[in-house]
C-alpha atoms as a PDB file:
ATOM      1  CA  MET A   1      -3.038   4.837   0.110  1.00  0.00           C
ATOM      2  CA  SER A   2      -3.007   8.610  -0.274  1.00  0.00           C
ATOM      3  CA  MET A   3      -1.177  10.866   2.124  1.00  0.00           C
ATOM      4  CA  ASN A   4      -4.413  12.481   3.263  1.00  0.00           C
ATOM      5  CA  ALA A   5      -5.862   9.068   4.120  1.00  0.00           C
ATOM      6  CA  MET A   6      -3.177   8.451   6.719  1.00  0.00           C
ATOM      7  CA  ASN A   7      -3.589   9.643  10.285  1.00  0.00           C
ATOM      8  CA  HIS A   8      -0.189  11.301  10.563  1.00  0.00           C
ATOM      9  CA  ASP A   9      -1.248  13.119  13.753  1.00  0.00           C
ATOM     10  CA  LEU A  10      -0.733   9.820  15.627  1.00  0.00           C
ATOM     11  CA  TYR A  11       2.691   9.051  14.138  1.00  0.00           C
ATOM     12  CA  THR A  12       5.780   8.432  16.246  1.00  0.00           C
ATOM     13  CA  ALA A  13       9.279   9.326  15.038  1.00  0.00           C
ATOM     14  CA  ASP A  14       9.666   5.718  13.842  1.00  0.00           C
ATOM     15  CA  ASP A  15       6.413   5.929  11.872  1.00  0.00           C
ATOM     16  CA  PHE A  16       7.582   9.093  10.095  1.00  0.00           C
ATOM     17  CA  LEU A  17      10.913   7.508   9.153  1.00  0.00           C
ATOM     18  CA  LEU A  18       9.097   4.521   7.624  1.00  0.00           C
ATOM     19  CA  ASP A  19       6.650   6.673   5.645  1.00  0.00           C
ATOM     20  CA  ASP A  20       7.557   6.950   1.943  1.00  0.00           C
ATOM     21  CA  SER A  21       6.005  10.411   1.583  1.00  0.00           C
ATOM     22  CA  PHE A  22       8.008  11.739   4.557  1.00  0.00           C
ATOM     23  CA  VAL A  23      11.234  10.369   3.048  1.00  0.00           C
ATOM     24  CA  ALA A  24      10.355  11.951  -0.316  1.00  0.00           C
ATOM     25  CA  TYR A  25       9.731  15.266   1.468  1.00  0.00           C
ATOM     26  CA  ARG A  26      13.107  15.085   3.209  1.00  0.00           C
ATOM     27  CA  GLN A  27      14.893  14.176  -0.017  1.00  0.00           C
ATOM     28  CA  GLY A  28      13.019  16.811  -2.042  1.00  0.00           C
ATOM     29  CA  THR A  29      12.015  14.308  -4.730  1.00  0.00           C
ATOM     30  CA  ASP A  30       8.240  14.832  -4.694  1.00  0.00           C
ATOM     31  CA  PRO A  31       6.666  18.327  -4.866  1.00  0.00           C
ATOM     32  CA  ALA A  32       3.314  16.925  -3.684  1.00  0.00           C
ATOM     33  CA  ALA A  33       4.939  15.423  -0.585  1.00  0.00           C
ATOM     34  CA  THR A  34       6.777  18.696   0.092  1.00  0.00           C
ATOM     35  CA  ALA A  35       3.534  20.675  -0.146  1.00  0.00           C
ATOM     36  CA  TYR A  36       1.643  18.221   2.044  1.00  0.00           C
ATOM     37  CA  TRP A  37       4.191  18.086   4.869  1.00  0.00           C
ATOM     38  CA  THR A  38       4.711  21.850   4.793  1.00  0.00           C
ATOM     39  CA  GLU A  39       0.985  22.390   5.284  1.00  0.00           C
ATOM     40  CA  TRP A  40       0.846  19.608   7.899  1.00  0.00           C
ATOM     41  CA  GLN A  41       3.524  21.357   9.982  1.00  0.00           C
ATOM     42  CA  ARG A  42       1.684  24.680   9.677  1.00  0.00           C
ATOM     43  CA  ARG A  43      -1.278  23.143  11.565  1.00  0.00           C
ATOM     44  CA  LYS A  44       1.072  22.465  14.521  1.00  0.00           C
ATOM     45  CA  PRO A  45      -0.262  18.967  15.367  1.00  0.00           C
ATOM     46  CA  GLY A  46       0.398  17.544  18.824  1.00  0.00           C
ATOM     47  CA  ASN A  47       3.079  15.144  17.618  1.00  0.00           C
ATOM     48  CA  LEU A  48       5.144  17.848  15.898  1.00  0.00           C
ATOM     49  CA  PRO A  49       8.091  17.140  18.305  1.00  0.00           C
ATOM     50  CA  ALA A  50       8.142  13.546  16.999  1.00  0.00           C
ATOM     51  CA  PHE A  51       8.222  14.949  13.456  1.00  0.00           C
ATOM     52  CA  ARG A  52      11.196  17.179  14.340  1.00  0.00           C
ATOM     53  CA  GLU A  53      12.997  14.197  15.881  1.00  0.00           C
ATOM     54  CA  ALA A  54      12.350  12.186  12.714  1.00  0.00           C
ATOM     55  CA  GLU A  55      13.782  15.042  10.634  1.00  0.00           C
ATOM     56  CA  ARG A  56      16.896  15.082  12.798  1.00  0.00           C
ATOM     57  CA  LEU A  57      17.341  11.316  12.618  1.00  0.00           C
ATOM     58  CA  HIS A  58      16.829  11.280   8.863  1.00  0.00           C
ATOM     59  CA  SER A  59      19.465  13.976   8.420  1.00  0.00           C
ATOM     60  CA  VAL A  60      22.003  12.103  10.534  1.00  0.00           C
ATOM     61  CA  LEU A  61      21.214   8.590   9.300  1.00  0.00           C
ATOM     62  CA  SER A  62      20.455   9.157   5.609  1.00  0.00           C
ATOM     63  CA  GLY A  63      22.884   8.045   2.942  1.00  0.00           C
ATOM     64  CA  HIS A  64      24.235  11.611   2.596  1.00  0.00           C
ATOM     65  CA  LYS A  65      24.870  11.877   6.358  1.00  0.00           C
ATOM     66  CA  PRO A  66      24.757  15.701   6.472  1.00  0.00           C
ATOM     67  CA  GLY A  67      24.841  15.575  10.263  1.00  0.00           C
ATOM     68  CA  LEU A  68      28.122  13.674  10.164  1.00  0.00           C
ATOM     69  CA  GLU A  69      29.626  16.048   7.596  1.00  0.00           C
ATOM     70  CA  ALA A  70      28.633  19.027   9.735  1.00  0.00           C
ATOM     71  CA  SER A  71      30.253  17.404  12.773  1.00  0.00           C
ATOM     72  CA  LEU A  72      33.503  16.857  10.874  1.00  0.00           C
ATOM     73  CA  GLN A  73      33.543  20.457   9.643  1.00  0.00           C
ATOM     74  CA  GLU A  74      32.854  21.712  13.166  1.00  0.00           C
ATOM     75  CA  LEU A  75      35.734  19.649  14.526  1.00  0.00           C
ATOM     76  CA  LYS A  76      38.054  20.966  11.811  1.00  0.00           C
ATOM     77  CA  THR A  77      37.074  24.551  12.658  1.00  0.00           C
ATOM     78  CA  LEU A  78      37.680  23.973  16.374  1.00  0.00           C
ATOM     79  CA  LEU A  79      41.133  22.560  15.654  1.00  0.00           C
ATOM     80  CA  ALA A  80      41.974  25.541  13.446  1.00  0.00           C
ATOM     81  CA  ASP A  81      40.894  27.920  16.224  1.00  0.00           C
ATOM     82  CA  ARG A  82      42.964  25.960  18.739  1.00  0.00           C
ATOM     83  CA  GLN A  83      46.062  26.260  16.568  1.00  0.00           C
ATOM     84  CA  ALA A  84      45.464  29.998  16.064  1.00  0.00           C
ATOM     85  CA  ASP A  85      45.120  30.571  19.825  1.00  0.00           C
ATOM     86  CA  THR A  86      48.384  28.798  20.655  1.00  0.00           C
ATOM     87  CA  ALA A  87      50.546  30.199  17.818  1.00  0.00           C
ATOM     88  CA  PRO A  88      53.241  32.825  18.740  1.00  0.00           C
ATOM     89  CA  THR A  89      52.431  36.443  17.778  1.00  0.00           C
ATOM     90  CA  ILE A  90      55.293  36.826  15.256  1.00  0.00           C
ATOM     91  CA  VAL A  91      54.207  38.103  11.856  1.00  0.00           C
ATOM     92  CA  ASP A  92      56.688  36.092   9.768  1.00  0.00           C
ATOM     93  CA  PHE A  93      56.185  32.868  11.767  1.00  0.00           C
ATOM     94  CA  GLN A  94      54.302  30.056   9.956  1.00  0.00           C
ATOM     95  CA  PRO A  95      52.962  27.380  12.327  1.00  0.00           C
ATOM     96  CA  VAL A  96      54.059  23.882  11.413  1.00  0.00           C
ATOM     97  CA  ARG A  97      51.521  21.089  11.887  1.00  0.00           C
ATOM     98  CA  THR A  98      53.216  18.355  13.862  1.00  0.00           C
ATOM     99  CA  ARG A  99      52.689  14.639  13.338  1.00  0.00           C
ATOM    100  CA  PHE A 100      50.815  14.565  16.642  1.00  0.00           C
ATOM    101  CA  GLN A 101      48.407  17.279  15.552  1.00  0.00           C
ATOM    102  CA  THR A 102      47.803  15.676  12.164  1.00  0.00           C
ATOM    103  CA  GLY A 103      47.330  12.265  13.705  1.00  0.00           C
ATOM    104  CA  TRP A 104      44.932  13.660  16.282  1.00  0.00           C
ATOM    105  CA  TRP A 105      42.747  15.154  13.541  1.00  0.00           C
ATOM    106  CA  VAL A 106      42.764  11.966  11.465  1.00  0.00           C
ATOM    107  CA  ALA A 107      41.955   9.850  14.526  1.00  0.00           C
ATOM    108  CA  ALA A 108      39.126  12.153  15.586  1.00  0.00           C
ATOM    109  CA  ALA A 109      37.680  12.187  12.092  1.00  0.00           C
ATOM    110  CA  SER A 110      37.912   8.398  11.896  1.00  0.00           C
ATOM    111  CA  ILE A 111      36.122   8.040  15.212  1.00  0.00           C
ATOM    112  CA  LEU A 112      33.323  10.322  14.024  1.00  0.00           C
ATOM    113  CA  VAL A 113      32.966   8.362  10.798  1.00  0.00           C
ATOM    114  CA  MET A 114      32.876   5.077  12.712  1.00  0.00           C
ATOM    115  CA  LEU A 115      30.315   6.456  15.146  1.00  0.00           C
ATOM    116  CA  GLY A 116      28.178   7.727  12.276  1.00  0.00           C
ATOM    117  CA  LEU A 117      28.318   4.462  10.354  1.00  0.00           C
ATOM    118  CA  GLY A 118      27.836   2.460  13.533  1.00  0.00           C
ATOM    119  CA  GLY A 119      24.790   4.512  14.474  1.00  0.00           C
ATOM    120  CA  TYR A 120      23.395   4.041  10.981  1.00  0.00           C
ATOM    121  CA  TRP A 121      23.920   0.273  11.216  1.00  0.00           C
ATOM    122  CA  LEU A 122      22.252   0.146  14.631  1.00  0.00           C
ATOM    123  CA  TRP A 123      19.324   2.195  13.320  1.00  0.00           C
ATOM    124  CA  GLN A 124      18.851  -0.153  10.354  1.00  0.00           C
ATOM    125  CA  ASN A 125      18.906  -3.230  12.608  1.00  0.00           C
ATOM    126  CA  GLN A 126      16.617  -1.767  15.252  1.00  0.00           C
ATOM    127  CA  THR A 127      13.374  -3.665  15.891  1.00  0.00           C
ATOM    128  CA  VAL A 128      10.187  -1.712  15.143  1.00  0.00           C
ATOM    129  CA  SER A 129       6.796  -2.718  16.527  1.00  0.00           C
ATOM    130  CA  TYR A 130       3.178  -1.912  15.702  1.00  0.00           C
ATOM    131  CA  GLN A 131       0.236  -2.431  18.080  1.00  0.00           C
ATOM    132  CA  THR A 132      -3.534  -2.204  17.884  1.00  0.00           C
ATOM    133  CA  ASP A 133      -5.939  -1.596  20.749  1.00  0.00           C
ATOM    134  CA  TYR A 134      -9.166  -3.505  21.318  1.00  0.00           C
ATOM    135  CA  GLY A 135     -11.552  -2.832  18.456  1.00  0.00           C
ATOM    136  CA  GLN A 136      -8.818  -1.258  16.304  1.00  0.00           C
ATOM    137  CA  GLN A 137      -7.271  -2.375  13.003  1.00  0.00           C
ATOM    138  CA  LYS A 138      -4.089  -1.164  11.314  1.00  0.00           C
ATOM    139  CA  THR A 139      -2.502  -1.900   7.921  1.00  0.00           C
ATOM    140  CA  ILE A 140       1.312  -1.932   7.788  1.00  0.00           C
ATOM    141  CA  THR A 141       3.568  -1.916   4.735  1.00  0.00           C
ATOM    142  CA  LEU A 142       6.715  -3.951   5.341  1.00  0.00           C
ATOM    143  CA  PRO A 143      10.181  -3.100   3.944  1.00  0.00           C
ATOM    144  CA  ASP A 144       9.717  -5.499   0.978  1.00  0.00           C
ATOM    145  CA  GLY A 145       6.316  -4.071   0.000  1.00  0.00           C
ATOM    146  CA  SER A 146       4.283  -6.864   1.615  1.00  0.00           C
ATOM    147  CA  THR A 147       1.335  -5.723   3.753  1.00  0.00           C
ATOM    148  CA  VAL A 148      -0.137  -6.898   7.042  1.00  0.00           C
ATOM    149  CA  THR A 149      -3.508  -5.878   8.445  1.00  0.00           C
ATOM    150  CA  LEU A 150      -3.552  -6.308  12.223  1.00  0.00           C
ATOM    151  CA  ASN A 151      -6.793  -7.191  13.965  1.00  0.00           C
ATOM    152  CA  SER A 152      -7.852  -6.038  17.426  1.00  0.00           C
ATOM    153  CA  HIS A 153      -5.353  -6.298  20.319  1.00  0.00           C
ATOM    154  CA  SER A 154      -2.405  -7.451  18.191  1.00  0.00           C
ATOM    155  CA  GLU A 155       1.291  -6.672  17.760  1.00  0.00           C
ATOM    156  CA  LEU A 156       3.744  -7.089  14.881  1.00  0.00           C
ATOM    157  CA  SER A 157       7.503  -6.546  15.053  1.00  0.00           C
ATOM    158  CA  HIS A 158      10.381  -6.792  12.572  1.00  0.00           C
ATOM    159  CA  ARG A 159      13.862  -5.482  11.885  1.00  0.00           C
ATOM    160  CA  ARG A 160      13.713  -1.957  10.449  1.00  0.00           C
ATOM    161  CA  HIS A 161      15.782  -2.655   7.313  1.00  0.00           C
ATOM    162  CA  TRP A 162      15.709  -5.790   5.140  1.00  0.00           C
ATOM    163  CA  ALA A 163      18.852  -6.093   3.042  1.00  0.00           C
ATOM    164  CA  SER A 164      18.498  -7.347  -0.522  1.00  0.00           C
ATOM    165  CA  GLY A 165      18.521 -11.152  -0.551  1.00  0.00           C
ATOM    166  CA  ALA A 166      18.191 -11.446   3.237  1.00  0.00           C
ATOM    167  CA  ASN A 167      15.445 -13.420   4.941  1.00  0.00           C
ATOM    168  CA  ARG A 168      12.240 -11.558   5.739  1.00  0.00           C
ATOM    169  CA  ASP A 169      11.202 -12.268   9.343  1.00  0.00           C
ATOM    170  CA  VAL A 170       8.341 -10.838  11.404  1.00  0.00           C
ATOM    171  CA  THR A 171       6.853 -11.802  14.771  1.00  0.00           C
ATOM    172  CA  LEU A 172       3.105 -11.754  15.417  1.00  0.00           C
ATOM    173  CA  THR A 173       1.130 -11.738  18.642  1.00  0.00           C
ATOM    174  CA  GLY A 174      -2.614 -11.588  18.075  1.00  0.00           C
ATOM    175  CA  GLU A 175      -4.123 -11.847  14.605  1.00  0.00           C
ATOM    176  CA  GLY A 176      -3.157 -10.542  11.179  1.00  0.00           C
ATOM    177  CA  PHE A 177      -3.949 -10.925   7.490  1.00  0.00           C
ATOM    178  CA  PHE A 178      -0.780 -11.171   5.382  1.00  0.00           C
ATOM    179  CA  SER A 179      -0.405 -10.325   1.700  1.00  0.00           C
ATOM    180  CA  VAL A 180       3.176 -11.337   0.934  1.00  0.00           C
ATOM    181  CA  ARG A 181       4.998  -9.932  -2.061  1.00  0.00           C
ATOM    182  CA  HIS A 182       6.730 -12.476  -4.281  1.00  0.00           C
ATOM    183  CA  LEU A 183      10.285 -11.370  -5.091  1.00  0.00           C
ATOM    184  CA  GLU A 184      12.261 -12.229  -8.213  1.00  0.00           C
ATOM    185  CA  VAL A 185      14.847 -13.872  -5.964  1.00  0.00           C
ATOM    186  CA  ASN A 186      13.098 -16.457  -3.808  1.00  0.00           C
ATOM    187  CA  VAL A 187      13.766 -15.015  -0.370  1.00  0.00           C
ATOM    188  CA  PRO A 188      11.835 -16.770   2.421  1.00  0.00           C
ATOM    189  CA  PHE A 189       9.208 -14.785   4.314  1.00  0.00           C
ATOM    190  CA  ARG A 190       8.674 -16.123   7.833  1.00  0.00           C
ATOM    191  CA  VAL A 191       6.093 -15.260  10.451  1.00  0.00           C
ATOM    192  CA  HIS A 192       6.987 -16.319  13.983  1.00  0.00           C
ATOM    193  CA  SER A 193       4.544 -16.680  16.850  1.00  0.00           C
ATOM    194  CA  LYS A 194       5.886 -16.734  20.385  1.00  0.00           C
ATOM    195  CA  ASN A 195       6.334 -20.295  21.688  1.00  0.00           C
ATOM    196  CA  ALA A 196       4.008 -21.754  19.019  1.00  0.00           C
ATOM    197  CA  PHE A 197       4.930 -22.153  15.364  1.00  0.00           C
ATOM    198  CA  THR A 198       6.530 -20.544  12.324  1.00  0.00           C
ATOM    199  CA  VAL A 199       4.923 -19.981   8.915  1.00  0.00           C
ATOM    200  CA  GLU A 200       7.206 -19.795   5.870  1.00  0.00           C
ATOM    201  CA  VAL A 201       6.000 -18.512   2.500  1.00  0.00           C
ATOM    202  CA  LEU A 202       7.278 -17.143  -0.818  1.00  0.00           C
ATOM    203  CA  GLY A 203       4.225 -15.209  -1.999  1.00  0.00           C
ATOM    204  CA  THR A 204       0.718 -15.690  -0.693  1.00  0.00           C
ATOM    205  CA  GLU A 205      -2.259 -14.456   1.348  1.00  0.00           C
ATOM    206  CA  PHE A 206      -3.206 -15.967   4.678  1.00  0.00           C
ATOM    207  CA  THR A 207      -4.651 -15.213   8.089  1.00  0.00           C
ATOM    208  CA  MET A 208      -2.593 -16.085  11.164  1.00  0.00           C
ATOM    209  CA  THR A 209      -3.797 -16.123  14.751  1.00  0.00           C
ATOM    210  CA  SER A 210      -1.398 -16.305  17.708  1.00  0.00           C
ATOM    211  CA  ARG A 211      -3.230 -15.799  20.977  1.00  0.00           C
ATOM    212  CA  SER A 212      -2.903 -17.323  24.429  1.00  0.00           C
ATOM    213  CA  ASP A 213      -4.650 -20.625  23.656  1.00  0.00           C
ATOM    214  CA  LEU A 214      -5.326 -20.354  19.926  1.00  0.00           C
ATOM    215  CA  ASN A 215      -2.642 -20.695  17.244  1.00  0.00           C
ATOM    216  CA  ARG A 216      -3.761 -21.288  13.663  1.00  0.00           C
ATOM    217  CA  VAL A 217      -3.106 -20.409  10.022  1.00  0.00           C
ATOM    218  CA  VAL A 218      -5.747 -20.226   7.282  1.00  0.00           C
ATOM    219  CA  LEU A 219      -4.473 -20.066   3.696  1.00  0.00           C
ATOM    220  CA  ASN A 220      -6.319 -18.005   1.083  1.00  0.00           C
ATOM    221  CA  ARG A 221      -3.846 -18.126  -1.800  1.00  0.00           C
ATOM    222  CA  GLY A 222      -0.437 -19.591  -2.610  1.00  0.00           C
ATOM    223  CA  LYS A 223       1.359 -22.111  -0.414  1.00  0.00           C
ATOM    224  CA  VAL A 224       2.780 -22.029   3.120  1.00  0.00           C
ATOM    225  CA  GLN A 225       4.672 -24.399   5.356  1.00  0.00           C
ATOM    226  CA  VAL A 226       3.738 -24.449   9.045  1.00  0.00           C
ATOM    227  CA  SER A 227       6.327 -25.720  11.532  1.00  0.00           C
ATOM    228  CA  GLY A 228       5.487 -26.455  15.161  1.00  0.00           C
ATOM    229  CA  SER A 229       7.518 -28.246  17.802  1.00  0.00           C
ATOM    230  CA  ASP A 230      10.322 -30.647  16.928  1.00  0.00           C
ATOM    231  CA  SER A 231       8.017 -33.598  17.665  1.00  0.00           C
ATOM    232  CA  SER A 232       5.349 -32.368  15.245  1.00  0.00           C
ATOM    233  CA  PRO A 233       6.020 -32.738  11.498  1.00  0.00           C
ATOM    234  CA  ALA A 234       5.695 -29.595   9.374  1.00  0.00           C
ATOM    235  CA  LEU A 235       2.515 -29.191   7.329  1.00  0.00           C
ATOM    236  CA  THR A 236       2.282 -27.742   3.817  1.00  0.00           C
ATOM    237  CA  LEU A 237      -1.045 -25.994   3.229  1.00  0.00           C
ATOM    238  CA  VAL A 238      -2.875 -25.336  -0.019  1.00  0.00           C
ATOM    239  CA  PRO A 239      -5.637 -22.707  -0.394  1.00  0.00           C
ATOM    240  CA  GLY A 240      -8.712 -23.489   1.700  1.00  0.00           C
ATOM    241  CA  GLN A 241      -6.834 -25.354   4.421  1.00  0.00           C
ATOM    242  CA  LEU A 242      -6.417 -24.508   8.105  1.00  0.00           C
ATOM    243  CA  ALA A 243      -3.553 -25.604  10.362  1.00  0.00           C
ATOM    244  CA  GLU A 244      -4.009 -25.448  14.125  1.00  0.00           C
ATOM    245  CA  LEU A 245      -1.783 -26.227  17.081  1.00  0.00           C
ATOM    246  CA  ASP A 246      -3.274 -28.423  19.805  1.00  0.00           C
ATOM    247  CA  PRO A 247      -2.300 -26.681  23.077  1.00  0.00           C
ATOM    248  CA  ALA A 248      -2.470 -29.967  25.018  1.00  0.00           C
ATOM    249  CA  THR A 249      -0.298 -32.141  22.759  1.00  0.00           C
ATOM    250  CA  GLY A 250       1.691 -29.552  20.806  1.00  0.00           C
ATOM    251  CA  GLN A 251       0.755 -31.330  17.569  1.00  0.00           C
ATOM    252  CA  LEU A 252      -0.303 -29.622  14.345  1.00  0.00           C
ATOM    253  CA  THR A 253      -3.498 -30.673  12.601  1.00  0.00           C
ATOM    254  CA  SER A 254      -5.070 -29.470   9.365  1.00  0.00           C
ATOM    255  CA  ARG A 255      -8.516 -29.493   7.778  1.00  0.00           C
ATOM    256  CA  GLU A 256     -10.480 -28.048   4.874  1.00  0.00           C
ATOM    257  CA  VAL A 257     -12.318 -24.778   5.619  1.00  0.00           C
ATOM    258  CA  SER A 258     -13.910 -21.779   3.937  1.00  0.00           C
ATOM    259  CA  ALA A 259     -10.922 -19.415   4.216  1.00  0.00           C
ATOM    260  CA  GLU A 260     -12.966 -16.228   3.837  1.00  0.00           C
ATOM    261  CA  ARG A 261     -14.857 -16.988   7.045  1.00  0.00           C
ATOM    262  CA  TYR A 262     -11.657 -16.566   9.046  1.00  0.00           C
ATOM    263  CA  ASN A 263     -10.853 -13.045   7.905  1.00  0.00           C
ATOM    264  CA  GLY A 264     -14.346 -11.591   8.267  1.00  0.00           C
ATOM    265  CA  TRP A 265     -12.916  -8.933  10.572  1.00  0.00           C
ATOM    266  CA  LEU A 266     -11.378  -7.332   7.465  1.00  0.00           C
ATOM    267  CA  ARG A 267     -14.972  -6.662   6.397  1.00  0.00           C
ATOM    268  CA  ASN A 268     -16.110  -5.591   9.896  1.00  0.00           C
ATOM    269  CA  GLN A 269     -17.724  -8.968  10.522  1.00  0.00           C
ATOM    270  CA  LEU A 270     -17.367 -11.367  13.432  1.00  0.00           C
ATOM    271  CA  VAL A 271     -17.730 -14.854  11.965  1.00  0.00           C
ATOM    272  CA  PHE A 272     -18.655 -17.869  14.117  1.00  0.00           C
ATOM    273  CA  ASP A 273     -18.201 -21.312  12.568  1.00  0.00           C
ATOM    274  CA  GLU A 274     -19.746 -24.132  14.601  1.00  0.00           C
ATOM    275  CA  VAL A 275     -18.350 -22.782  17.886  1.00  0.00           C
ATOM    276  CA  THR A 276     -19.349 -23.679  21.422  1.00  0.00           C
ATOM    277  CA  LEU A 277     -20.321 -20.957  23.881  1.00  0.00           C
ATOM    278  CA  PRO A 278     -16.853 -20.878  25.540  1.00  0.00           C
ATOM    279  CA  GLU A 279     -15.206 -20.548  22.116  1.00  0.00           C
ATOM    280  CA  ALA A 280     -17.595 -17.757  21.091  1.00  0.00           C
ATOM    281  CA  VAL A 281     -17.020 -15.902  24.368  1.00  0.00           C
ATOM    282  CA  ARG A 282     -13.260 -16.134  23.862  1.00  0.00           C
ATOM    283  CA  GLN A 283     -13.600 -14.531  20.417  1.00  0.00           C
ATOM    284  CA  VAL A 284     -15.756 -11.738  21.830  1.00  0.00           C
ATOM    285  CA  GLU A 285     -13.369 -11.011  24.700  1.00  0.00           C
ATOM    286  CA  GLU A 286     -10.326 -10.928  22.409  1.00  0.00           C
ATOM    287  CA  GLN A 287     -12.037  -8.694  19.882  1.00  0.00           C
ATOM    288  CA  PHE A 288     -13.635  -6.135  22.189  1.00  0.00           C
ATOM    289  CA  GLY A 289     -11.506  -6.358  25.350  1.00  0.00           C
ATOM    290  CA  ILE A 290     -14.515  -7.010  27.589  1.00  0.00           C
ATOM    291  CA  ASP A 291     -15.088  -9.497  30.425  1.00  0.00           C
ATOM    292  CA  VAL A 292     -17.835 -12.087  29.839  1.00  0.00           C
ATOM    293  CA  ARG A 293     -18.646 -14.544  32.619  1.00  0.00           C
ATOM    294  CA  PHE A 294     -20.848 -17.619  32.620  1.00  0.00           C
ATOM    295  CA  ASP A 295     -21.329 -20.831  34.545  1.00  0.00           C
ATOM    296  CA  SER A 296     -19.711 -23.640  32.582  1.00  0.00           C
ATOM    297  CA  ALA A 297     -22.548 -25.913  33.682  1.00  0.00           C
ATOM    298  CA  THR A 298     -25.013 -23.749  31.747  1.00  0.00           C
ATOM    299  CA  ALA A 299     -22.928 -23.611  28.563  1.00  0.00           C
ATOM    300  CA  GLY A 300     -24.355 -26.787  27.071  1.00  0.00           C
ATOM    301  CA  SER A 301     -23.011 -28.434  23.922  1.00  0.00           C
ATOM    302  CA  ARG A 302     -24.824 -26.410  21.252  1.00  0.00           C
ATOM    303  CA  ARG A 303     -22.662 -24.961  18.494  1.00  0.00           C
ATOM    304  CA  PHE A 304     -23.333 -21.600  16.902  1.00  0.00           C
ATOM    305  CA  SER A 305     -22.677 -20.425  13.337  1.00  0.00           C
ATOM    306  CA  GLY A 306     -23.354 -16.940  12.081  1.00  0.00           C
ATOM    307  CA  ILE A 307     -21.989 -13.579  10.941  1.00  0.00           C
ATOM    308  CA  LEU A 308     -22.494 -10.621  13.273  1.00  0.00           C
ATOM    309  CA  PRO A 309     -21.430  -6.934  13.055  1.00  0.00           C
ATOM    310  CA  LEU A 310     -17.952  -6.379  14.450  1.00  0.00           C
ATOM    311  CA  LYS A 311     -18.592  -2.926  15.946  1.00  0.00           C
ATOM    312  CA  ASP A 312     -21.440  -3.845  18.312  1.00  0.00           C
ATOM    313  CA  PRO A 313     -20.460  -6.123  21.256  1.00  0.00           C
ATOM    314  CA  ASP A 314     -23.896  -5.777  22.879  1.00  0.00           C
ATOM    315  CA  LYS A 315     -25.629  -7.130  19.778  1.00  0.00           C
ATOM    316  CA  VAL A 316     -23.147  -9.993  19.538  1.00  0.00           C
ATOM    317  CA  LEU A 317     -23.669 -11.003  23.170  1.00  0.00           C
ATOM    318  CA  ASN A 318     -27.447 -10.643  22.955  1.00  0.00           C
ATOM    319  CA  THR A 319     -27.487 -12.945  19.935  1.00  0.00           C
ATOM    320  CA  LEU A 320     -25.360 -15.554  21.713  1.00  0.00           C
ATOM    321  CA  ALA A 321     -27.531 -15.337  24.829  1.00  0.00           C
ATOM    322  CA  VAL A 322     -30.775 -15.853  22.880  1.00  0.00           C
ATOM    323  CA  TYR A 323     -29.319 -18.768  20.920  1.00  0.00           C
ATOM    324  CA  HIS A 324     -28.165 -20.536  24.087  1.00  0.00           C
ATOM    325  CA  GLN A 325     -31.374 -19.625  25.941  1.00  0.00           C
ATOM    326  CA  LEU A 326     -29.541 -17.473  28.469  1.00  0.00           C
ATOM    327  CA  LYS A 327     -30.102 -14.051  29.992  1.00  0.00           C
ATOM    328  CA  ILE A 328     -27.526 -11.308  29.883  1.00  0.00           C
ATOM    329  CA  THR A 329     -26.950  -8.849  32.738  1.00  0.00           C
ATOM    330  CA  ARG A 330     -24.233  -6.400  33.761  1.00  0.00           C
ATOM    331  CA  GLN A 331     -22.210  -6.610  36.960  1.00  0.00           C
ATOM    332  CA  GLY A 332     -19.792  -3.698  37.106  1.00  0.00           C
ATOM    333  CA  ASP A 333     -17.686  -3.849  33.947  1.00  0.00           C
ATOM    334  CA  ALA A 334     -18.491  -7.514  33.286  1.00  0.00           C
ATOM    335  CA  TYR A 335     -21.266  -9.173  31.295  1.00  0.00           C
ATOM    336  CA  LEU A 336     -22.964 -12.142  32.947  1.00  0.00           C
ATOM    337  CA  LEU A 337     -24.666 -14.972  31.025  1.00  0.00           C
ATOM    338  CA  ASN A 338     -26.991 -17.142  33.116  1.00  0.00           C
ATOM    339  CA  ARG A 339     -30.323 -18.913  33.020  1.00  0.00           C
END
């Protein structure tokens, strides 16, 4: 993705630090990145303070640690001034550095080094999170080069730095499409959902959903292992299979599906596959963040299949209402479906 395609005006300090072009600009390794970020600053965007904070953090926490070196030099200068102020005013007198003075300098320098390295370690192990609002999507590049596209009302978190050979772990709430990079050394990639299950892969593409009462994985390519509760045996999926957690029993089940129908939102489509009215309404509410109410007695048992445009909740609800022979009205901020 080109630099101009990114919406840097919405970046936080964390986003800047994770952006390859920003790092190249700070390191002076890419003239195009330097030109872009220089022009970007000239426009004085609203999040320029976050950019400045990212610059400061990069200076202090980069491998060169210029901020730490400056602090050490400043401390050395202060000590030299202190010795000059306390020395007797005799021309031929040469101050002698005592063991206490030398030890104090070494101890202070050691403390600064430890603080700098400790801060760098804490920064690397900090958890970073990405969120999407209702109706929004966002593509994230992970530290290993894998990508995740988050669907509406979703959140992804992971440790900022992944050391070479270490496990790759992320946590998902909501829905995301994963394209996992296969590494030369087989390092597990795991996606955790809160209080549901864990998906472990080596290199693959799949869609994972982790919402309040819906937890499932649909495999497009490769192979994944889905682990639920201790009482439920793990399932190994092949392309075209879906694994779902039964919220009542906590058991995992699997079945054959058309995998592409479960990531239609990547193509701005809302795909319904033999769903009841309550299931369809749940999808609509989760996607658009709206309140849809209906009398369960009027829902019936009909199942709906179809592909509808993702950006138009009114059209989606009108289609569902017509199919189920219902009328749709508005009551405040809520949509009502009734006969």
